[in-house]
Amino acid sequence: MMDRYSSAMNDVNFIAKLADLKDEHYHNVLTLSVLIELLIEKQIITREDIQKKAGELDPFMAPPPYPKV
């Protein structure tokens, strides 16, 4: 009986941690988007500069450990 309770609690804790990570990821992406937009608005950098640099760095990224959907 205790094992079932422990397993269920582990599942709940795992789901809660996953939700926290999703929320943190959203806030990080939002912050990054805001910074990029401000740099573009202030004409410090262009969208083309960002696209070019992303294209240069993309090959260095490791492939994700899961299939893309």
Protein backbone atom coordinates (compact mmCIF):
# COMPACT_ATOMS: atom_id res chain seq x y z
CA MET A 1 0.00 0.00 0.00
CA MET A 2 2.81 2.40 0.90
CA ASP A 3 4.55 1.72 -2.43
CA ARG A 4 1.44 2.75 -4.38
CA TYR A 5 1.19 5.97 -2.36
CA SER A 6 4.89 6.68 -2.82
CA SER A 7 4.67 6.00 -6.55
CA ALA A 8 1.65 8.28 -6.91
CA MET A 9 3.39 11.05 -4.97
CA ASN A 10 6.48 10.66 -7.15
CA ASP A 11 4.27 11.07 -10.22
CA VAL A 12 2.64 14.18 -8.76
CA ASN A 13 6.02 15.67 -7.88
CA PHE A 14 7.36 14.91 -11.36
CA ILE A 15 4.36 16.55 -13.04
CA ALA A 16 4.68 19.60 -10.79
CA LYS A 17 8.38 19.95 -11.65
CA LEU A 18 7.56 19.64 -15.33
CA ALA A 19 4.95 22.38 -15.03
CA ASP A 20 7.47 24.61 -13.26
CA LEU A 21 10.01 24.03 -16.04
CA LYS A 22 7.41 24.88 -18.68
CA ASP A 23 6.57 28.12 -16.89
CA GLU A 24 10.25 29.01 -16.51
CA HIS A 25 10.89 28.22 -20.18
CA TYR A 26 8.02 30.53 -21.20
CA HIS A 27 9.43 33.40 -19.13
CA ASN A 28 12.94 32.88 -20.53
CA VAL A 29 11.65 32.90 -24.11
CA LEU A 30 9.54 35.98 -23.40
CA THR A 31 12.53 37.83 -21.92
CA LEU A 32 14.70 36.91 -24.88
CA SER A 33 12.01 38.03 -27.33
CA VAL A 34 11.64 41.36 -25.56
CA LEU A 35 15.40 41.95 -25.64
CA ILE A 36 15.60 41.13 -29.35
CA GLU A 37 12.67 43.41 -30.17
CA LEU A 38 14.20 46.28 -28.17
CA LEU A 39 17.55 45.88 -29.92
CA ILE A 40 15.78 45.97 -33.28
CA GLU A 41 13.63 48.98 -32.32
CA LYS A 42 16.73 50.89 -31.21
CA GLN A 43 18.39 49.92 -34.50
CA ILE A 44 21.28 48.25 -32.70
CA ILE A 45 20.77 45.03 -34.65
CA THR A 46 18.60 43.87 -37.55
CA ARG A 47 16.44 40.78 -37.95
CA GLU A 48 18.78 39.73 -40.74
CA ASP A 49 21.75 39.89 -38.34
CA ILE A 50 19.89 37.62 -35.93
CA GLN A 51 18.89 35.18 -38.67
CA LYS A 52 22.44 35.06 -40.02
CA LYS A 53 23.96 34.40 -36.59
CA ALA A 54 21.32 31.77 -35.79
CA GLY A 55 22.19 30.04 -39.05
CA GLU A 56 25.87 30.07 -38.11
CA LEU A 57 25.28 28.66 -34.63
CA ASP A 58 22.59 26.12 -35.47
CA PRO A 59 24.99 23.41 -36.72
CA PHE A 60 26.75 23.44 -33.34
CA MET A 61 23.57 22.54 -31.46
CA ALA A 62 23.23 18.90 -30.51
CA PRO A 63 20.19 17.18 -32.00
CA PRO A 64 17.32 16.87 -29.53
CA PRO A 65 17.09 13.56 -27.66
CA TYR A 66 13.52 13.13 -28.90
CA PRO A 67 11.96 13.14 -32.38
CA LYS A 68 10.63 16.41 -33.72
CA VAL A 69 6.91 16.43 -34.34
